[in-house]
PDB file of N, CA and C in Angstrom:
ATOM      1  N   MET A   1      15.655  -2.542  11.842  1.00  0.00           N
ATOM      2  CA  MET A   1      14.878  -1.344  11.810  1.00  0.00           C
ATOM      3  C   MET A   1      14.334  -1.168  10.425  1.00  0.00           C
ATOM      4  N   ARG A   2      13.031  -0.878  10.311  1.00  0.00           N
ATOM      5  CA  ARG A   2      12.356  -0.656   9.017  1.00  0.00           C
ATOM      6  C   ARG A   2      12.730   0.672   8.445  1.00  0.00           C
ATOM      7  N   LYS A   3      12.707   0.743   7.120  1.00  0.00           N
ATOM      8  CA  LYS A   3      12.858   1.990   6.393  1.00  0.00           C
ATOM      9  C   LYS A   3      11.567   2.706   6.368  1.00  0.00           C
ATOM     10  N   ALA A   4      11.530   3.988   6.567  1.00  0.00           N
ATOM     11  CA  ALA A   4      10.331   4.763   6.562  1.00  0.00           C
ATOM     12  C   ALA A   4       9.685   4.733   5.160  1.00  0.00           C
ATOM     13  N   LYS A   5       8.393   4.600   5.145  1.00  0.00           N
ATOM     14  CA  LYS A   5       7.609   4.547   3.891  1.00  0.00           C
ATOM     15  C   LYS A   5       7.486   5.893   3.230  1.00  0.00           C
ATOM     16  N   PHE A   6       7.375   6.939   4.070  1.00  0.00           N
ATOM     17  CA  PHE A   6       7.224   8.307   3.599  1.00  0.00           C
ATOM     18  C   PHE A   6       8.439   9.169   3.855  1.00  0.00           C
ATOM     19  N   ASN A   7       8.528  10.236   3.108  1.00  0.00           N
ATOM     20  CA  ASN A   7       9.730  11.139   3.223  1.00  0.00           C
ATOM     21  C   ASN A   7       9.315  12.560   3.703  1.00  0.00           C
ATOM     22  N   ILE A   8      10.293  13.241   4.183  1.00  0.00           N
ATOM     23  CA  ILE A   8      10.095  14.657   4.565  1.00  0.00           C
ATOM     24  C   ILE A   8       9.604  15.367   3.326  1.00  0.00           C
ATOM     25  N   GLY A   9       8.518  16.153   3.448  1.00  0.00           N
ATOM     26  CA  GLY A   9       7.953  16.888   2.331  1.00  0.00           C
ATOM     27  C   GLY A   9       6.735  16.244   1.703  1.00  0.00           C
ATOM     28  N   ASP A  10       6.553  14.959   1.957  1.00  0.00           N
ATOM     29  CA  ASP A  10       5.369  14.209   1.412  1.00  0.00           C
ATOM     30  C   ASP A  10       4.110  14.720   2.095  1.00  0.00           C
ATOM     31  N   VAL A  11       3.023  14.854   1.285  1.00  0.00           N
ATOM     32  CA  VAL A  11       1.734  15.178   1.795  1.00  0.00           C
ATOM     33  C   VAL A  11       0.953  13.889   2.032  1.00  0.00           C
ATOM     34  N   VAL A  12       0.431  13.723   3.239  1.00  0.00           N
ATOM     35  CA  VAL A  12      -0.249  12.476   3.598  1.00  0.00           C
ATOM     36  C   VAL A  12      -1.545  12.789   4.296  1.00  0.00           C
ATOM     37  N   ARG A  13      -2.414  11.775   4.480  1.00  0.00           N
ATOM     38  CA  ARG A  13      -3.587  11.973   5.279  1.00  0.00           C
ATOM     39  C   ARG A  13      -3.718  10.832   6.280  1.00  0.00           C
ATOM     40  N   HIS A  14      -4.454  11.081   7.279  1.00  0.00           N
ATOM     41  CA  HIS A  14      -4.666  10.081   8.325  1.00  0.00           C
ATOM     42  C   HIS A  14      -5.721   9.047   7.785  1.00  0.00           C
ATOM     43  N   ARG A  15      -5.461   7.757   8.092  1.00  0.00           N
ATOM     44  CA  ARG A  15      -6.279   6.674   7.641  1.00  0.00           C
ATOM     45  C   ARG A  15      -7.684   6.737   8.260  1.00  0.00           C
ATOM     46  N   VAL A  16      -7.811   7.225   9.502  1.00  0.00           N
ATOM     47  CA  VAL A  16      -9.059   7.201  10.260  1.00  0.00           C
ATOM     48  C   VAL A  16      -9.632   8.640  10.461  1.00  0.00           C
ATOM     49  N   TYR A  17      -8.818   9.521  10.880  1.00  0.00           N
ATOM     50  CA  TYR A  17      -9.283  10.870  11.233  1.00  0.00           C
ATOM     51  C   TYR A  17      -9.203  11.849  10.035  1.00  0.00           C
ATOM     52  N   PRO A  18     -10.098  12.865  10.051  1.00  0.00           N
ATOM     53  CA  PRO A  18     -10.161  13.738   8.851  1.00  0.00           C
ATOM     54  C   PRO A  18      -9.116  14.870   8.864  1.00  0.00           C
ATOM     55  N   PHE A  19      -7.813  14.475   8.785  1.00  0.00           N
ATOM     56  CA  PHE A  19      -6.806  15.539   8.629  1.00  0.00           C
ATOM     57  C   PHE A  19      -5.748  15.036   7.691  1.00  0.00           C
ATOM     58  N   ARG A  20      -5.037  16.026   7.175  1.00  0.00           N
ATOM     59  CA  ARG A  20      -3.909  15.786   6.246  1.00  0.00           C
ATOM     60  C   ARG A  20      -2.817  16.711   6.652  1.00  0.00           C
ATOM     61  N   GLY A  21      -1.599  16.413   6.161  1.00  0.00           N
ATOM     62  CA  GLY A  21      -0.515  17.242   6.484  1.00  0.00           C
ATOM     63  C   GLY A  21       0.728  16.977   5.716  1.00  0.00           C
ATOM     64  N   VAL A  22       1.777  17.725   5.887  1.00  0.00           N
ATOM     65  CA  VAL A  22       3.064  17.561   5.266  1.00  0.00           C
ATOM     66  C   VAL A  22       4.045  17.105   6.343  1.00  0.00           C
ATOM     67  N   ILE A  23       4.849  16.099   6.029  1.00  0.00           N
ATOM     68  CA  ILE A  23       5.838  15.529   6.937  1.00  0.00           C
ATOM     69  C   ILE A  23       7.047  16.467   7.068  1.00  0.00           C
ATOM     70  N   PHE A  24       7.402  16.866   8.263  1.00  0.00           N
ATOM     71  CA  PHE A  24       8.586  17.706   8.450  1.00  0.00           C
ATOM     72  C   PHE A  24       9.669  17.049   9.254  1.00  0.00           C
ATOM     73  N   ASP A  25       9.382  15.855   9.823  1.00  0.00           N
ATOM     74  CA  ASP A  25      10.412  15.087  10.583  1.00  0.00           C
ATOM     75  C   ASP A  25       9.938  13.646  10.747  1.00  0.00           C
ATOM     76  N   VAL A  26      10.891  12.716  10.855  1.00  0.00           N
ATOM     77  CA  VAL A  26      10.540  11.298  10.978  1.00  0.00           C
ATOM     78  C   VAL A  26      11.381  10.733  12.099  1.00  0.00           C
ATOM     79  N   ASP A  27      10.704   9.913  12.972  1.00  0.00           N
ATOM     80  CA  ASP A  27      11.407   9.136  14.029  1.00  0.00           C
ATOM     81  C   ASP A  27      11.359   7.686  13.555  1.00  0.00           C
ATOM     82  N   ALA A  28      12.505   7.025  13.596  1.00  0.00           N
ATOM     83  CA  ALA A  28      12.604   5.639  13.146  1.00  0.00           C
ATOM     84  C   ALA A  28      11.617   4.701  13.904  1.00  0.00           C
ATOM     85  N   GLU A  29      11.373   5.036  15.166  1.00  0.00           N
ATOM     86  CA  GLU A  29      10.354   4.340  15.937  1.00  0.00           C
ATOM     87  C   GLU A  29       9.829   5.332  16.982  1.00  0.00           C
ATOM     88  N   PHE A  30       8.795   4.956  17.722  1.00  0.00           N
ATOM     89  CA  PHE A  30       8.139   5.831  18.626  1.00  0.00           C
ATOM     90  C   PHE A  30       9.115   6.557  19.536  1.00  0.00           C
ATOM     91  N   SER A  31       8.977   7.871  19.645  1.00  0.00           N
ATOM     92  CA  SER A  31       9.897   8.687  20.436  1.00  0.00           C
ATOM     93  C   SER A  31       9.126   9.821  21.147  1.00  0.00           C
ATOM     94  N   ASN A  32       7.969   9.502  21.666  1.00  0.00           N
ATOM     95  CA  ASN A  32       7.120  10.480  22.445  1.00  0.00           C
ATOM     96  C   ASN A  32       7.036   9.914  23.818  1.00  0.00           C
ATOM     97  N   THR A  33       6.242  10.520  24.660  1.00  0.00           N
ATOM     98  CA  THR A  33       6.154  10.106  26.053  1.00  0.00           C
ATOM     99  C   THR A  33       5.195   8.878  26.189  1.00  0.00           C
ATOM    100  N   GLU A  34       5.453   8.159  27.233  1.00  0.00           N
ATOM    101  CA  GLU A  34       4.573   6.993  27.524  1.00  0.00           C
ATOM    102  C   GLU A  34       3.169   7.492  27.868  1.00  0.00           C
ATOM    103  N   GLU A  35       3.093   8.636  28.510  1.00  0.00           N
ATOM    104  CA  GLU A  35       1.750   9.229  28.812  1.00  0.00           C
ATOM    105  C   GLU A  35       0.982   9.482  27.561  1.00  0.00           C
ATOM    106  N   TRP A  36       1.662  10.034  26.536  1.00  0.00           N
ATOM    107  CA  TRP A  36       1.022  10.313  25.214  1.00  0.00           C
ATOM    108  C   TRP A  36       0.473   9.046  24.592  1.00  0.00           C
ATOM    109  N   TRP A  37       1.344   7.994  24.620  1.00  0.00           N
ATOM    110  CA  TRP A  37       0.968   6.720  23.984  1.00  0.00           C
ATOM    111  C   TRP A  37      -0.203   6.081  24.706  1.00  0.00           C
ATOM    112  N   LEU A  38      -0.192   6.082  26.017  1.00  0.00           N
ATOM    113  CA  LEU A  38      -1.250   5.485  26.802  1.00  0.00           C
ATOM    114  C   LEU A  38      -2.574   6.297  26.707  1.00  0.00           C
ATOM    115  N   SER A  39      -2.497   7.583  26.266  1.00  0.00           N
ATOM    116  CA  SER A  39      -3.713   8.341  26.154  1.00  0.00           C
ATOM    117  C   SER A  39      -4.528   7.925  24.937  1.00  0.00           C
ATOM    118  N   ILE A  40      -3.895   7.180  24.038  1.00  0.00           N
ATOM    119  CA  ILE A  40      -4.632   6.630  22.852  1.00  0.00           C
ATOM    120  C   ILE A  40      -5.472   5.422  23.259  1.00  0.00           C
ATOM    121  N   PRO A  41      -6.767   5.372  22.910  1.00  0.00           N
ATOM    122  CA  PRO A  41      -7.546   4.187  23.256  1.00  0.00           C
ATOM    123  C   PRO A  41      -6.892   2.913  22.823  1.00  0.00           C
ATOM    124  N   GLU A  42      -6.843   1.933  23.743  1.00  0.00           N
ATOM    125  CA  GLU A  42      -6.093   0.661  23.508  1.00  0.00           C
ATOM    126  C   GLU A  42      -6.512   0.016  22.196  1.00  0.00           C
ATOM    127  N   GLU A  43      -7.787   0.048  21.792  1.00  0.00           N
ATOM    128  CA  GLU A  43      -8.223  -0.658  20.582  1.00  0.00           C
ATOM    129  C   GLU A  43      -7.655   0.001  19.316  1.00  0.00           C
ATOM    130  N   ILE A  44      -7.183   1.224  19.353  1.00  0.00           N
ATOM    131  CA  ILE A  44      -6.569   1.825  18.182  1.00  0.00           C
ATOM    132  C   ILE A  44      -5.130   2.309  18.430  1.00  0.00           C
ATOM    133  N   ARG A  45      -4.589   1.914  19.550  1.00  0.00           N
ATOM    134  CA  ARG A  45      -3.175   2.328  19.905  1.00  0.00           C
ATOM    135  C   ARG A  45      -2.197   1.700  18.917  1.00  0.00           C
ATOM    136  N   PRO A  46      -1.348   2.496  18.254  1.00  0.00           N
ATOM    137  CA  PRO A  46      -0.384   1.921  17.334  1.00  0.00           C
ATOM    138  C   PRO A  46       0.810   1.193  17.968  1.00  0.00           C
ATOM    139  N   ARG A  47       1.403   0.330  17.232  1.00  0.00           N
ATOM    140  CA  ARG A  47       2.669  -0.295  17.743  1.00  0.00           C
ATOM    141  C   ARG A  47       3.743   0.750  17.823  1.00  0.00           C
ATOM    142  N   LYS A  48       4.711   0.593  18.737  1.00  0.00           N
ATOM    143  CA  LYS A  48       5.822   1.491  18.815  1.00  0.00           C
ATOM    144  C   LYS A  48       6.989   1.225  17.906  1.00  0.00           C
ATOM    145  N   ASP A  49       7.053  -0.014  17.366  1.00  0.00           N
ATOM    146  CA  ASP A  49       8.179  -0.436  16.589  1.00  0.00           C
ATOM    147  C   ASP A  49       8.005  -0.121  15.108  1.00  0.00           C
ATOM    148  N   GLN A  50       7.656   1.104  14.786  1.00  0.00           N
ATOM    149  CA  GLN A  50       7.418   1.537  13.417  1.00  0.00           C
ATOM    150  C   GLN A  50       7.812   3.026  13.366  1.00  0.00           C
ATOM    151  N   PRO A  51       8.040   3.521  12.129  1.00  0.00           N
ATOM    152  CA  PRO A  51       8.324   4.962  12.031  1.00  0.00           C
ATOM    153  C   PRO A  51       7.097   5.805  12.492  1.00  0.00           C
ATOM    154  N   PHE A  52       7.396   6.922  13.094  1.00  0.00           N
ATOM    155  CA  PHE A  52       6.404   7.929  13.458  1.00  0.00           C
ATOM    156  C   PHE A  52       6.758   9.280  12.792  1.00  0.00           C
ATOM    157  N   TYR A  53       5.764   9.937  12.354  1.00  0.00           N
ATOM    158  CA  TYR A  53       5.977  11.201  11.547  1.00  0.00           C
ATOM    159  C   TYR A  53       5.414  12.395  12.277  1.00  0.00           C
ATOM    160  N   HIS A  54       6.186  13.500  12.151  1.00  0.00           N
ATOM    161  CA  HIS A  54       5.734  14.815  12.591  1.00  0.00           C
ATOM    162  C   HIS A  54       5.142  15.541  11.401  1.00  0.00           C
ATOM    163  N   LEU A  55       3.906  15.974  11.564  1.00  0.00           N
ATOM    164  CA  LEU A  55       3.205  16.609  10.454  1.00  0.00           C
ATOM    165  C   LEU A  55       2.796  18.027  10.814  1.00  0.00           C
ATOM    166  N   LEU A  56       2.898  18.914   9.797  1.00  0.00           N
ATOM    167  CA  LEU A  56       2.175  20.200   9.875  1.00  0.00           C
ATOM    168  C   LEU A  56       0.824  19.850   9.319  1.00  0.00           C
ATOM    169  N   ALA A  57      -0.146  19.748  10.214  1.00  0.00           N
ATOM    170  CA  ALA A  57      -1.471  19.238   9.855  1.00  0.00           C
ATOM    171  C   ALA A  57      -2.549  20.283   9.743  1.00  0.00           C
ATOM    172  N   GLU A  58      -3.518  19.973   8.927  1.00  0.00           N
ATOM    173  CA  GLU A  58      -4.735  20.799   8.800  1.00  0.00           C
ATOM    174  C   GLU A  58      -5.987  19.882   8.822  1.00  0.00           C
ATOM    175  N   ASN A  59      -6.996  20.461   9.522  1.00  0.00           N
ATOM    176  CA  ASN A  59      -8.263  19.784   9.647  1.00  0.00           C
ATOM    177  C   ASN A  59      -9.309  20.775   9.395  1.00  0.00           C
ATOM    178  N   PRO A  60     -10.338  20.474   8.566  1.00  0.00           N
ATOM    179  CA  PRO A  60     -11.320  21.499   8.244  1.00  0.00           C
ATOM    180  C   PRO A  60     -12.104  22.004   9.498  1.00  0.00           C
ATOM    181  N   ASP A  61     -12.242  21.163  10.542  1.00  0.00           N
ATOM    182  CA  ASP A  61     -12.947  21.585  11.716  1.00  0.00           C
ATOM    183  C   ASP A  61     -12.071  22.206  12.792  1.00  0.00           C
ATOM    184  N   GLU A  62     -10.794  21.784  12.888  1.00  0.00           N
ATOM    185  CA  GLU A  62      -9.946  22.235  13.984  1.00  0.00           C
ATOM    186  C   GLU A  62      -8.821  23.135  13.536  1.00  0.00           C
ATOM    187  N   GLY A  63      -8.701  23.430  12.289  1.00  0.00           N
ATOM    188  CA  GLY A  63      -7.662  24.350  11.786  1.00  0.00           C
ATOM    189  C   GLY A  63      -6.297  23.679  11.690  1.00  0.00           C
ATOM    190  N   GLU A  64      -5.224  24.398  11.957  1.00  0.00           N
ATOM    191  CA  GLU A  64      -3.897  23.818  11.860  1.00  0.00           C
ATOM    192  C   GLU A  64      -3.284  23.482  13.176  1.00  0.00           C
ATOM    193  N   TYR A  65      -2.382  22.512  13.146  1.00  0.00           N
ATOM    194  CA  TYR A  65      -1.711  22.046  14.383  1.00  0.00           C
ATOM    195  C   TYR A  65      -0.575  21.096  13.945  1.00  0.00           C
ATOM    196  N   VAL A  66       0.236  20.700  14.895  1.00  0.00           N
ATOM    197  CA  VAL A  66       1.301  19.734  14.688  1.00  0.00           C
ATOM    198  C   VAL A  66       0.823  18.392  15.192  1.00  0.00           C
ATOM    199  N   ALA A  67       0.992  17.370  14.350  1.00  0.00           N
ATOM    200  CA  ALA A  67       0.500  15.980  14.751  1.00  0.00           C
ATOM    201  C   ALA A  67       1.727  15.011  14.732  1.00  0.00           C
ATOM    202  N   TYR A  68       1.593  13.987  15.549  1.00  0.00           N
ATOM    203  CA  TYR A  68       2.599  12.934  15.670  1.00  0.00           C
ATOM    204  C   TYR A  68       1.850  11.654  15.293  1.00  0.00           C
ATOM    205  N   VAL A  69       2.166  10.997  14.203  1.00  0.00           N
ATOM    206  CA  VAL A  69       1.379   9.921  13.698  1.00  0.00           C
ATOM    207  C   VAL A  69       2.174   8.720  13.275  1.00  0.00           C
ATOM    208  N   SER A  70       1.695   7.530  13.651  1.00  0.00           N
ATOM    209  CA  SER A  70       2.389   6.249  13.279  1.00  0.00           C
ATOM    210  C   SER A  70       2.223   6.016  11.770  1.00  0.00           C
ATOM    211  N   GLU A  71       3.220   5.292  11.229  1.00  0.00           N
ATOM    212  CA  GLU A  71       3.147   4.966   9.826  1.00  0.00           C
ATOM    213  C   GLU A  71       1.915   4.180   9.422  1.00  0.00           C
ATOM    214  N   GLN A  72       1.486   3.258  10.326  1.00  0.00           N
ATOM    215  CA  GLN A  72       0.322   2.431  10.036  1.00  0.00           C
ATOM    216  C   GLN A  72      -0.969   3.250   9.855  1.00  0.00           C
ATOM    217  N   ASN A  73      -0.932   4.485  10.329  1.00  0.00           N
ATOM    218  CA  ASN A  73      -2.145   5.345  10.271  1.00  0.00           C
ATOM    219  C   ASN A  73      -2.128   6.405   9.197  1.00  0.00           C
ATOM    220  N   LEU A  74      -1.118   6.333   8.321  1.00  0.00           N
ATOM    221  CA  LEU A  74      -0.999   7.321   7.242  1.00  0.00           C
ATOM    222  C   LEU A  74      -1.110   6.702   5.875  1.00  0.00           C
ATOM    223  N   ILE A  75      -1.710   7.424   4.975  1.00  0.00           N
ATOM    224  CA  ILE A  75      -1.841   7.049   3.558  1.00  0.00           C
ATOM    225  C   ILE A  75      -1.408   8.244   2.721  1.00  0.00           C
ATOM    226  N   PRO A  76      -1.011   8.025   1.507  1.00  0.00           N
ATOM    227  CA  PRO A  76      -0.645   9.206   0.695  1.00  0.00           C
ATOM    228  C   PRO A  76      -1.868  10.027   0.397  1.00  0.00           C
ATOM    229  N   ASP A  77      -1.701  11.348   0.330  1.00  0.00           N
ATOM    230  CA  ASP A  77      -2.747  12.247  -0.074  1.00  0.00           C
ATOM    231  C   ASP A  77      -2.609  12.410  -1.545  1.00  0.00           C
ATOM    232  N   THR A  78      -3.673  12.193  -2.357  1.00  0.00           N
ATOM    233  CA  THR A  78      -3.559  12.278  -3.747  1.00  0.00           C
ATOM    234  C   THR A  78      -4.291  13.505  -4.320  1.00  0.00           C
ATOM    235  N   SER A  79      -4.645  14.464  -3.468  1.00  0.00           N
ATOM    236  CA  SER A  79      -5.402  15.612  -3.933  1.00  0.00           C
ATOM    237  C   SER A  79      -4.653  16.571  -4.865  1.00  0.00           C
ATOM    238  N   GLY A  80      -3.309  16.563  -4.714  1.00  0.00           N
ATOM    239  CA  GLY A  80      -2.527  17.546  -5.557  1.00  0.00           C
ATOM    240  C   GLY A  80      -2.640  18.967  -4.959  1.00  0.00           C
ATOM    241  N   GLU A  81      -3.188  19.101  -3.783  1.00  0.00           N
ATOM    242  CA  GLU A  81      -3.399  20.387  -3.168  1.00  0.00           C
ATOM    243  C   GLU A  81      -2.396  20.676  -2.084  1.00  0.00           C
ATOM    244  N   PRO A  82      -1.871  21.890  -1.956  1.00  0.00           N
ATOM    245  CA  PRO A  82      -0.918  22.177  -0.903  1.00  0.00           C
ATOM    246  C   PRO A  82      -1.611  22.166   0.507  1.00  0.00           C
ATOM    247  N   VAL A  83      -0.804  21.989   1.507  1.00  0.00           N
ATOM    248  CA  VAL A  83      -1.278  22.020   2.898  1.00  0.00           C
ATOM    249  C   VAL A  83      -1.311  23.472   3.342  1.00  0.00           C
ATOM    250  N   HIS A  84      -2.404  23.847   3.962  1.00  0.00           N
ATOM    251  CA  HIS A  84      -2.565  25.235   4.472  1.00  0.00           C
ATOM    252  C   HIS A  84      -2.215  25.268   5.952  1.00  0.00           C
ATOM    253  N   HIS A  85      -0.947  25.553   6.217  1.00  0.00           N
ATOM    254  CA  HIS A  85      -0.437  25.658   7.605  1.00  0.00           C
ATOM    255  C   HIS A  85       0.565  26.791   7.622  1.00  0.00           C
ATOM    256  N   SER A  86       0.447  27.619   8.671  1.00  0.00           N
ATOM    257  CA  SER A  86       1.291  28.842   8.725  1.00  0.00           C
ATOM    258  C   SER A  86       2.802  28.539   8.829  1.00  0.00           C
ATOM    259  N   GLN A  87       3.202  27.333   9.191  1.00  0.00           N
ATOM    260  CA  GLN A  87       4.628  27.007   9.338  1.00  0.00           C
ATOM    261  C   GLN A  87       5.257  26.330   8.178  1.00  0.00           C
ATOM    262  N   VAL A  88       4.498  26.063   7.094  1.00  0.00           N
ATOM    263  CA  VAL A  88       5.046  25.410   5.919  1.00  0.00           C
ATOM    264  C   VAL A  88       6.255  26.114   5.373  1.00  0.00           C
ATOM    265  N   GLU A  89       6.184  27.460   5.306  1.00  0.00           N
ATOM    266  CA  GLU A  89       7.301  28.207   4.744  1.00  0.00           C
ATOM    267  C   GLU A  89       8.540  28.198   5.635  1.00  0.00           C
ATOM    268  N   ASP A  90       8.399  27.764   6.876  1.00  0.00           N
ATOM    269  CA  ASP A  90       9.530  27.661   7.818  1.00  0.00           C
ATOM    270  C   ASP A  90      10.440  26.441   7.413  1.00  0.00           C
ATOM    271  N   PHE A  91       9.807  25.436   6.722  1.00  0.00           N
ATOM    272  CA  PHE A  91      10.512  24.199   6.450  1.00  0.00           C
ATOM    273  C   PHE A  91      10.720  23.935   4.955  1.00  0.00           C
ATOM    274  N   PHE A  92       9.841  24.496   4.122  1.00  0.00           N
ATOM    275  CA  PHE A  92       9.872  24.151   2.676  1.00  0.00           C
ATOM    276  C   PHE A  92       9.875  25.367   1.817  1.00  0.00           C
ATOM    277  N   THR A  93      10.314  25.201   0.576  1.00  0.00           N
ATOM    278  CA  THR A  93      10.418  26.333  -0.380  1.00  0.00           C
ATOM    279  C   THR A  93       9.274  26.369  -1.381  1.00  0.00           C
ATOM    280  N   ALA A  94       8.825  25.221  -1.842  1.00  0.00           N
ATOM    281  CA  ALA A  94       7.770  25.177  -2.817  1.00  0.00           C
ATOM    282  C   ALA A  94       7.003  23.900  -2.784  1.00  0.00           C
ATOM    283  N   PHE A  95       5.780  23.900  -3.326  1.00  0.00           N
ATOM    284  CA  PHE A  95       4.932  22.701  -3.447  1.00  0.00           C
ATOM    285  C   PHE A  95       4.948  22.219  -4.890  1.00  0.00           C
ATOM    286  N   ASP A  96       5.178  20.936  -5.087  1.00  0.00           N
ATOM    287  CA  ASP A  96       5.140  20.347  -6.418  1.00  0.00           C
ATOM    288  C   ASP A  96       3.892  19.504  -6.522  1.00  0.00           C
ATOM    289  N   PRO A  97       2.802  19.973  -7.229  1.00  0.00           N
ATOM    290  CA  PRO A  97       1.577  19.230  -7.247  1.00  0.00           C
ATOM    291  C   PRO A  97       1.674  17.907  -7.976  1.00  0.00           C
ATOM    292  N   GLU A  98       2.602  17.738  -8.905  1.00  0.00           N
ATOM    293  CA  GLU A  98       2.721  16.517  -9.620  1.00  0.00           C
ATOM    294  C   GLU A  98       3.310  15.398  -8.760  1.00  0.00           C
ATOM    295  N   ARG A  99       4.238  15.794  -7.863  1.00  0.00           N
ATOM    296  CA  ARG A  99       4.745  14.801  -6.901  1.00  0.00           C
ATOM    297  C   ARG A  99       3.927  14.784  -5.592  1.00  0.00           C
ATOM    298  N   ASN A 100       3.039  15.800  -5.463  1.00  0.00           N
ATOM    299  CA  ASN A 100       2.269  15.937  -4.231  1.00  0.00           C
ATOM    300  C   ASN A 100       3.184  15.989  -3.000  1.00  0.00           C
ATOM    301  N   ALA A 101       4.236  16.806  -3.134  1.00  0.00           N
ATOM    302  CA  ALA A 101       5.169  16.937  -2.097  1.00  0.00           C
ATOM    303  C   ALA A 101       5.829  18.352  -2.067  1.00  0.00           C
ATOM    304  N   TYR A 102       6.390  18.694  -1.005  1.00  0.00           N
ATOM    305  CA  TYR A 102       7.059  19.963  -0.840  1.00  0.00           C
ATOM    306  C   TYR A 102       8.558  19.786  -1.071  1.00  0.00           C
ATOM    307  N   GLU A 103       9.228  20.852  -1.521  1.00  0.00           N
ATOM    308  CA  GLU A 103      10.650  20.876  -1.712  1.00  0.00           C
ATOM    309  C   GLU A 103      11.311  21.530  -0.513  1.00  0.00           C
ATOM    310  N   MET A 104      12.428  20.891  -0.074  1.00  0.00           N
ATOM    311  CA  MET A 104      13.199  21.444   1.046  1.00  0.00           C
ATOM    312  C   MET A 104      14.247  22.410   0.489  1.00  0.00           C
ATOM    313  N   PRO A 105      14.586  23.411   1.307  1.00  0.00           N
ATOM    314  CA  PRO A 105      15.659  24.340   0.895  1.00  0.00           C
ATOM    315  C   PRO A 105      16.938  23.511   0.621  1.00  0.00           C
ATOM    316  N   VAL A 106      17.708  23.908  -0.371  1.00  0.00           N
ATOM    317  CA  VAL A 106      18.994  23.159  -0.690  1.00  0.00           C
ATOM    318  C   VAL A 106      19.882  23.079   0.539  1.00  0.00           C
ATOM    319  N   GLU A 107      20.022  24.135   1.294  1.00  0.00           N
ATOM    320  CA  GLU A 107      20.909  24.089   2.423  1.00  0.00           C
ATOM    321  C   GLU A 107      20.455  23.115   3.532  1.00  0.00           C
ATOM    322  N   ALA A 108      19.191  22.723   3.509  1.00  0.00           N
ATOM    323  CA  ALA A 108      18.698  21.765   4.536  1.00  0.00           C
ATOM    324  C   ALA A 108      18.897  20.315   4.175  1.00  0.00           C
ATOM    325  N   ILE A 109      19.224  20.075   2.914  1.00  0.00           N
ATOM    326  CA  ILE A 109      19.462  18.675   2.474  1.00  0.00           C
ATOM    327  C   ILE A 109      20.860  18.274   2.790  1.00  0.00           C
ATOM    328  N   ASN A 110      20.987  17.149   3.518  1.00  0.00           N
ATOM    329  CA  ASN A 110      22.329  16.695   3.870  1.00  0.00           C
ATOM    330  C   ASN A 110      22.480  15.204   3.533  1.00  0.00           C
TER     331      ASN A 110
END
């Protein structure tokens, strides 16, 4: 099993689509429904044998939402800007622009 490239709290952006987000959970490999996976056009459908990330995402046209994205489709966001999503404070305490990542509450780290 591969080690995840990104960590909880990292700010990332999608390689193809115009959205960015902060990672709040990681699955070691695909863990969504087969129906969801098959809904992705075959020519861009990701492999299942890689980490998948749960993001608090923002898109300039669509607003905020939760996204589930394969590792192969994520790149680091280098903007140094926080993610504007109403649930960020439910998971994180502060944004560190130098690391371009959010801090988790101490009691959440295990």
